[in-house]
Amino acid sequence: SEDTALYYCAARFAYNSISTSSGAYAYWGQGT
């Protein structure tokens, strides 16, 4: 039940780095 949420897809340019920050992602979907 804790997984209930609006889920968003996001994209960022990256060569070989990981980011968990929403601010690092430049493009976003509308959510499902």
All heavy atoms as atom14 arrays in JSON, in Angstrom:
{
  "sequence": "SEDTALYYCAARFAYNSISTSSGAYAYWGQGT",
  "atom14_mask": [
    [1, 1, 1, 1, 1, 1, 0, 0, 0, 0, 0, 0, 0, 0],
    [1, 1, 1, 1, 1, 1, 1, 1, 1, 0, 0, 0, 0, 0],
    [1, 1, 1, 1, 1, 1, 1, 1, 0, 0, 0, 0, 0, 0],
    [1, 1, 1, 1, 1, 1, 1, 0, 0, 0, 0, 0, 0, 0],
    [1, 1, 1, 1, 1, 0, 0, 0, 0, 0, 0, 0, 0, 0],
    [1, 1, 1, 1, 1, 1, 1, 1, 0, 0, 0, 0, 0, 0],
    [1, 1, 1, 1, 1, 1, 1, 1, 1, 1, 1, 1, 0, 0],
    [1, 1, 1, 1, 1, 1, 1, 1, 1, 1, 1, 1, 0, 0],
    [1, 1, 1, 1, 1, 1, 0, 0, 0, 0, 0, 0, 0, 0],
    [1, 1, 1, 1, 1, 0, 0, 0, 0, 0, 0, 0, 0, 0],
    [1, 1, 1, 1, 1, 0, 0, 0, 0, 0, 0, 0, 0, 0],
    [1, 1, 1, 1, 1, 1, 1, 1, 1, 1, 1, 0, 0, 0],
    [1, 1, 1, 1, 1, 1, 1, 1, 1, 1, 1, 0, 0, 0],
    [1, 1, 1, 1, 1, 0, 0, 0, 0, 0, 0, 0, 0, 0],
    [1, 1, 1, 1, 1, 1, 1, 1, 1, 1, 1, 1, 0, 0],
    [1, 1, 1, 1, 1, 1, 1, 1, 0, 0, 0, 0, 0, 0],
    [1, 1, 1, 1, 1, 1, 0, 0, 0, 0, 0, 0, 0, 0],
    [1, 1, 1, 1, 1, 1, 1, 1, 0, 0, 0, 0, 0, 0],
    [1, 1, 1, 1, 1, 1, 0, 0, 0, 0, 0, 0, 0, 0],
    [1, 1, 1, 1, 1, 1, 1, 0, 0, 0, 0, 0, 0, 0],
    [1, 1, 1, 1, 1, 1, 0, 0, 0, 0, 0, 0, 0, 0],
    [1, 1, 1, 1, 1, 1, 0, 0, 0, 0, 0, 0, 0, 0],
    [1, 1, 1, 1, 0, 0, 0, 0, 0, 0, 0, 0, 0, 0],
    [1, 1, 1, 1, 1, 0, 0, 0, 0, 0, 0, 0, 0, 0],
    [1, 1, 1, 1, 1, 1, 1, 1, 1, 1, 1, 1, 0, 0],
    [1, 1, 1, 1, 1, 0, 0, 0, 0, 0, 0, 0, 0, 0],
    [1, 1, 1, 1, 1, 1, 1, 1, 1, 1, 1, 1, 0, 0],
    [1, 1, 1, 1, 1, 1, 1, 1, 1, 1, 1, 1, 1, 1],
    [1, 1, 1, 1, 0, 0, 0, 0, 0, 0, 0, 0, 0, 0],
    [1, 1, 1, 1, 1, 1, 1, 1, 1, 0, 0, 0, 0, 0],
    [1, 1, 1, 1, 0, 0, 0, 0, 0, 0, 0, 0, 0, 0],
    [1, 1, 1, 1, 1, 1, 1, 0, 0, 0, 0, 0, 0, 0]
  ],
  "atom14_positions": [
    [[0.82, -1.2, 0.0], [0.0, 0.0, 0.0], [0.86, 1.26, 0.0], [0.46, 2.29, -0.57], [-0.94, 0.01, 1.2], [-0.23, -0.02, 2.42], [0.0, 0.0, 0.0], [0.0, 0.0, 0.0], [0.0, 0.0, 0.0], [0.0, 0.0, 0.0], [0.0, 0.0, 0.0], [0.0, 0.0, 0.0], [0.0, 0.0, 0.0], [0.0, 0.0, 0.0]],
    [[2.04, 1.18, 0.6], [2.95, 2.31, 0.65], [3.49, 2.7, -0.73], [4.06, 3.78, -0.89], [4.14, 2.03, 1.58], [3.74, 1.63, 2.99], [3.66, 0.13, 3.17], [2.61, -0.44, 2.79], [4.63, -0.47, 3.68], [0.0, 0.0, 0.0], [0.0, 0.0, 0.0], [0.0, 0.0, 0.0], [0.0, 0.0, 0.0], [0.0, 0.0, 0.0]],
    [[3.33, 1.82, -1.72], [3.78, 2.12, -3.07], [2.78, 2.96, -3.84], [3.07, 3.38, -4.96], [4.04, 0.82, -3.83], [5.16, -0.01, -3.23], [6.19, 0.57, -2.84], [5.0, -1.24, -3.14], [0.0, 0.0, 0.0], [0.0, 0.0, 0.0], [0.0, 0.0, 0.0], [0.0, 0.0, 0.0], [0.0, 0.0, 0.0], [0.0, 0.0, 0.0]],
    [[1.62, 3.19, -3.27], [0.6, 3.99, -3.94], [1.1, 5.41, -4.17], [1.5, 6.1, -3.22], [-0.69, 4.03, -3.12], [-1.24, 2.71, -3.03], [-1.72, 4.95, -3.76], [0.0, 0.0, 0.0], [0.0, 0.0, 0.0], [0.0, 0.0, 0.0], [0.0, 0.0, 0.0], [0.0, 0.0, 0.0], [0.0, 0.0, 0.0], [0.0, 0.0, 0.0]],
    [[1.11, 5.84, -5.42], [1.62, 7.16, -5.76], [1.43, 7.39, -7.25], [1.1, 6.49, -8.01], [3.1, 7.29, -5.4], [0.0, 0.0, 0.0], [0.0, 0.0, 0.0], [0.0, 0.0, 0.0], [0.0, 0.0, 0.0], [0.0, 0.0, 0.0], [0.0, 0.0, 0.0], [0.0, 0.0, 0.0], [0.0, 0.0, 0.0], [0.0, 0.0, 0.0]],
    [[1.67, 8.62, -7.65], [1.78, 8.96, -9.06], [3.24, 8.74, -9.45], [4.14, 9.35, -8.86], [1.36, 10.4, -9.31], [1.27, 10.86, -10.76], [0.19, 10.09, -11.5], [0.99, 12.36, -10.83], [0.0, 0.0, 0.0], [0.0, 0.0, 0.0], [0.0, 0.0, 0.0], [0.0, 0.0, 0.0], [0.0, 0.0, 0.0], [0.0, 0.0, 0.0]],
    [[3.47, 7.88, -10.41], [4.82, 7.52, -10.82], [5.22, 8.31, -12.06], [4.51, 8.32, -13.06], [4.92, 6.02, -11.09], [5.02, 5.2, -9.84], [3.93, 5.07, -8.99], [6.21, 4.57, -9.48], [4.02, 4.34, -7.82], [6.3, 3.83, -8.31], [5.2, 3.72, -7.49], [5.3, 2.99, -6.33], [0.0, 0.0, 0.0], [0.0, 0.0, 0.0]],
    [[6.38, 8.95, -11.97], [6.89, 9.77, -13.05], [8.14, 9.16, -13.66], [9.01, 8.66, -12.94], [7.26, 11.17, -12.55], [6.1, 12.0, -12.07], [5.74, 12.02, -10.74], [5.4, 12.8, -12.97], [4.69, 12.8, -10.29], [4.35, 13.59, -12.53], [4.0, 13.58, -11.19], [2.96, 14.37, -10.75], [0.0, 0.0, 0.0], [0.0, 0.0, 0.0]],
    [[8.24, 9.22, -14.96], [9.45, 8.9, -15.68], [10.23, 10.18, -15.92], [9.64, 11.23, -16.17], [9.1, 8.22, -17.0], [10.52, 7.82, -18.05], [0.0, 0.0, 0.0], [0.0, 0.0, 0.0], [0.0, 0.0, 0.0], [0.0, 0.0, 0.0], [0.0, 0.0, 0.0], [0.0, 0.0, 0.0], [0.0, 0.0, 0.0], [0.0, 0.0, 0.0]],
    [[11.54, 10.1, -15.85], [12.38, 11.27, -16.05], [13.64, 10.88, -16.82], [14.05, 9.72, -16.81], [12.76, 11.91, -14.71], [0.0, 0.0, 0.0], [0.0, 0.0, 0.0], [0.0, 0.0, 0.0], [0.0, 0.0, 0.0], [0.0, 0.0, 0.0], [0.0, 0.0, 0.0], [0.0, 0.0, 0.0], [0.0, 0.0, 0.0], [0.0, 0.0, 0.0]],
    [[14.26, 11.86, -17.46], [15.47, 11.63, -18.23], [16.49, 12.74, -17.98], [16.13, 13.89, -17.74], [15.15, 11.54, -19.72], [0.0, 0.0, 0.0], [0.0, 0.0, 0.0], [0.0, 0.0, 0.0], [0.0, 0.0, 0.0], [0.0, 0.0, 0.0], [0.0, 0.0, 0.0], [0.0, 0.0, 0.0], [0.0, 0.0, 0.0], [0.0, 0.0, 0.0]],
    [[17.76, 12.36, -18.04], [18.84, 13.3, -17.91], [20.01, 12.84, -18.77], [20.2, 11.63, -18.96], [19.3, 13.44, -16.45], [19.79, 12.12, -15.84], [20.15, 12.29, -14.37], [21.37, 13.03, -14.2], [22.58, 12.49, -14.07], [22.73, 11.16, -14.09], [23.64, 13.27, -13.91], [0.0, 0.0, 0.0], [0.0, 0.0, 0.0], [0.0, 0.0, 0.0]],
    [[20.76, 13.77, -19.27], [21.97, 13.41, -20.0], [23.03, 12.95, -19.01], [23.26, 13.58, -17.98], [22.48, 14.58, -20.82], [21.59, 14.94, -21.97], [20.84, 16.1, -21.95], [21.49, 14.1, -23.06], [20.01, 16.42, -23.01], [20.66, 14.41, -24.13], [19.92, 15.57, -24.1], [0.0, 0.0, 0.0], [0.0, 0.0, 0.0], [0.0, 0.0, 0.0]],
    [[23.65, 11.83, -19.34], [24.67, 11.26, -18.46], [25.54, 10.31, -19.25], [25.06, 9.61, -20.15], [24.01, 10.51, -17.3], [0.0, 0.0, 0.0], [0.0, 0.0, 0.0], [0.0, 0.0, 0.0], [0.0, 0.0, 0.0], [0.0, 0.0, 0.0], [0.0, 0.0, 0.0], [0.0, 0.0, 0.0], [0.0, 0.0, 0.0], [0.0, 0.0, 0.0]],
    [[26.8, 10.29, -18.91], [27.72, 9.36, -19.57], [27.85, 8.06, -18.79], [27.69, 6.98, -19.33], [29.08, 10.03, -19.78], [29.05, 11.11, -20.82], [28.84, 12.44, -20.47], [29.19, 10.8, -22.16], [28.78, 13.44, -21.43], [29.14, 11.79, -23.13], [28.94, 13.11, -22.76], [28.89, 14.08, -23.73], [0.0, 0.0, 0.0], [0.0, 0.0, 0.0]],
    [[28.15, 8.19, -17.51], [28.27, 7.0, -16.68], [28.08, 7.37, -15.21], [28.78, 6.86, -14.34], [29.63, 6.32, -16.89], [29.65, 4.9, -16.37], [28.63, 4.21, -16.35], [30.83, 4.44, -15.96], [0.0, 0.0, 0.0], [0.0, 0.0, 0.0], [0.0, 0.0, 0.0], [0.0, 0.0, 0.0], [0.0, 0.0, 0.0], [0.0, 0.0, 0.0]],
    [[27.12, 8.23, -14.95], [26.89, 8.68, -13.59], [25.46, 8.44, -13.17], [24.53, 8.49, -13.99], [27.24, 10.16, -13.44], [26.41, 10.97, -14.26], [0.0, 0.0, 0.0], [0.0, 0.0, 0.0], [0.0, 0.0, 0.0], [0.0, 0.0, 0.0], [0.0, 0.0, 0.0], [0.0, 0.0, 0.0], [0.0, 0.0, 0.0], [0.0, 0.0, 0.0]],
    [[25.28, 8.2, -11.89], [23.97, 7.95, -11.3], [23.55, 9.17, -10.48], [24.35, 9.77, -9.77], [24.01, 6.71, -10.38], [24.18, 5.43, -11.2], [22.77, 6.64, -9.5], [22.93, 5.02, -11.94], [0.0, 0.0, 0.0], [0.0, 0.0, 0.0], [0.0, 0.0, 0.0], [0.0, 0.0, 0.0], [0.0, 0.0, 0.0], [0.0, 0.0, 0.0]],
    [[22.27, 9.53, -10.59], [21.72, 10.58, -9.74], [20.37, 10.15, -9.21], [19.54, 9.62, -9.96], [21.59, 11.89, -10.49], [21.02, 12.89, -9.65], [0.0, 0.0, 0.0], [0.0, 0.0, 0.0], [0.0, 0.0, 0.0], [0.0, 0.0, 0.0], [0.0, 0.0, 0.0], [0.0, 0.0, 0.0], [0.0, 0.0, 0.0], [0.0, 0.0, 0.0]],
    [[20.14, 10.4, -7.92], [18.86, 10.13, -7.29], [18.08, 11.41, -7.03], [17.0, 11.37, -6.43], [19.05, 9.37, -5.98], [19.8, 10.18, -5.06], [19.8, 8.06, -6.21], [0.0, 0.0, 0.0], [0.0, 0.0, 0.0], [0.0, 0.0, 0.0], [0.0, 0.0, 0.0], [0.0, 0.0, 0.0], [0.0, 0.0, 0.0], [0.0, 0.0, 0.0]],
    [[18.6, 12.53, -7.47], [17.99, 13.83, -7.23], [17.06, 14.2, -8.37], [17.46, 14.2, -9.54], [19.07, 14.89, -7.06], [18.5, 16.18, -6.97], [0.0, 0.0, 0.0], [0.0, 0.0, 0.0], [0.0, 0.0, 0.0], [0.0, 0.0, 0.0], [0.0, 0.0, 0.0], [0.0, 0.0, 0.0], [0.0, 0.0, 0.0], [0.0, 0.0, 0.0]],
    [[15.83, 14.55, -8.04], [14.88, 14.96, -9.07], [15.35, 16.19, -9.82], [15.06, 16.35, -11.01], [13.5, 15.2, -8.45], [13.54, 16.25, -7.49], [0.0, 0.0, 0.0], [0.0, 0.0, 0.0], [0.0, 0.0, 0.0], [0.0, 0.0, 0.0], [0.0, 0.0, 0.0], [0.0, 0.0, 0.0], [0.0, 0.0, 0.0], [0.0, 0.0, 0.0]],
    [[16.1, 17.05, -9.15], [16.59, 18.26, -9.77], [17.6, 18.02, -10.87], [17.85, 18.91, -11.69], [0.0, 0.0, 0.0], [0.0, 0.0, 0.0], [0.0, 0.0, 0.0], [0.0, 0.0, 0.0], [0.0, 0.0, 0.0], [0.0, 0.0, 0.0], [0.0, 0.0, 0.0], [0.0, 0.0, 0.0], [0.0, 0.0, 0.0], [0.0, 0.0, 0.0]],
    [[18.19, 16.84, -10.91], [19.17, 16.52, -11.93], [18.54, 16.08, -13.25], [19.24, 15.99, -14.25], [20.11, 15.43, -11.42], [0.0, 0.0, 0.0], [0.0, 0.0, 0.0], [0.0, 0.0, 0.0], [0.0, 0.0, 0.0], [0.0, 0.0, 0.0], [0.0, 0.0, 0.0], [0.0, 0.0, 0.0], [0.0, 0.0, 0.0], [0.0, 0.0, 0.0]],
    [[17.26, 15.8, -13.23], [16.57, 15.29, -14.41], [15.85, 16.43, -15.13], [15.02, 17.12, -14.53], [15.6, 14.18, -14.02], [16.31, 12.94, -13.54], [16.82, 12.86, -12.26], [16.48, 11.85, -14.39], [17.51, 11.74, -11.83], [17.15, 10.72, -13.97], [17.66, 10.67, -12.68], [18.32, 9.54, -12.27], [0.0, 0.0, 0.0], [0.0, 0.0, 0.0]],
    [[16.18, 16.6, -16.38], [15.69, 17.74, -17.14], [14.33, 17.51, -17.79], [13.59, 18.47, -18.05], [16.7, 18.11, -18.23], [0.0, 0.0, 0.0], [0.0, 0.0, 0.0], [0.0, 0.0, 0.0], [0.0, 0.0, 0.0], [0.0, 0.0, 0.0], [0.0, 0.0, 0.0], [0.0, 0.0, 0.0], [0.0, 0.0, 0.0], [0.0, 0.0, 0.0]],
    [[13.98, 16.26, -18.04], [12.76, 15.95, -18.77], [11.88, 15.01, -17.96], [12.36, 14.06, -17.34], [13.09, 15.32, -20.12], [14.05, 16.15, -20.94], [15.39, 15.82, -21.01], [13.59, 17.28, -21.61], [16.27, 16.59, -21.75], [14.47, 18.06, -22.35], [15.8, 17.71, -22.42], [16.68, 18.48, -23.14], [0.0, 0.0, 0.0], [0.0, 0.0, 0.0]],
    [[10.59, 15.29, -17.98], [9.63, 14.55, -17.16], [8.38, 14.2, -17.94], [7.91, 14.97, -18.78], [9.23, 15.37, -15.93], [10.35, 15.58, -14.98], [11.33, 16.51, -15.06], [10.59, 14.82, -13.79], [12.2, 16.38, -13.99], [11.76, 15.36, -13.2], [9.95, 13.75, -13.18], [12.3, 14.85, -12.01], [10.47, 13.25, -12.0], [11.64, 13.8, -11.43]],
    [[7.84, 13.02, -17.64], [6.55, 12.65, -18.18], [5.42, 13.2, -17.33], [5.64, 13.88, -16.32], [0.0, 0.0, 0.0], [0.0, 0.0, 0.0], [0.0, 0.0, 0.0], [0.0, 0.0, 0.0], [0.0, 0.0, 0.0], [0.0, 0.0, 0.0], [0.0, 0.0, 0.0], [0.0, 0.0, 0.0], [0.0, 0.0, 0.0], [0.0, 0.0, 0.0]],
    [[4.2, 12.9, -17.74], [3.02, 13.4, -17.04], [2.65, 12.57, -15.82], [1.91, 13.03, -14.96], [1.82, 13.45, -17.99], [1.94, 14.49, -19.09], [1.8, 15.9, -18.57], [2.77, 16.52, -18.15], [0.59, 16.41, -18.59], [0.0, 0.0, 0.0], [0.0, 0.0, 0.0], [0.0, 0.0, 0.0], [0.0, 0.0, 0.0], [0.0, 0.0, 0.0]],
    [[3.16, 11.37, -15.74], [2.9, 10.5, -14.61], [1.82, 9.48, -14.9], [0.94, 9.7, -15.72], [0.0, 0.0, 0.0], [0.0, 0.0, 0.0], [0.0, 0.0, 0.0], [0.0, 0.0, 0.0], [0.0, 0.0, 0.0], [0.0, 0.0, 0.0], [0.0, 0.0, 0.0], [0.0, 0.0, 0.0], [0.0, 0.0, 0.0], [0.0, 0.0, 0.0]],
    [[1.91, 8.36, -14.21], [0.89, 7.33, -14.29], [0.58, 6.86, -12.87], [1.47, 6.63, -12.06], [1.35, 6.15, -15.19], [0.28, 5.2, -15.32], [2.58, 5.45, -14.63], [0.0, 0.0, 0.0], [0.0, 0.0, 0.0], [0.0, 0.0, 0.0], [0.0, 0.0, 0.0], [0.0, 0.0, 0.0], [0.0, 0.0, 0.0], [0.0, 0.0, 0.0]]
  ]
}
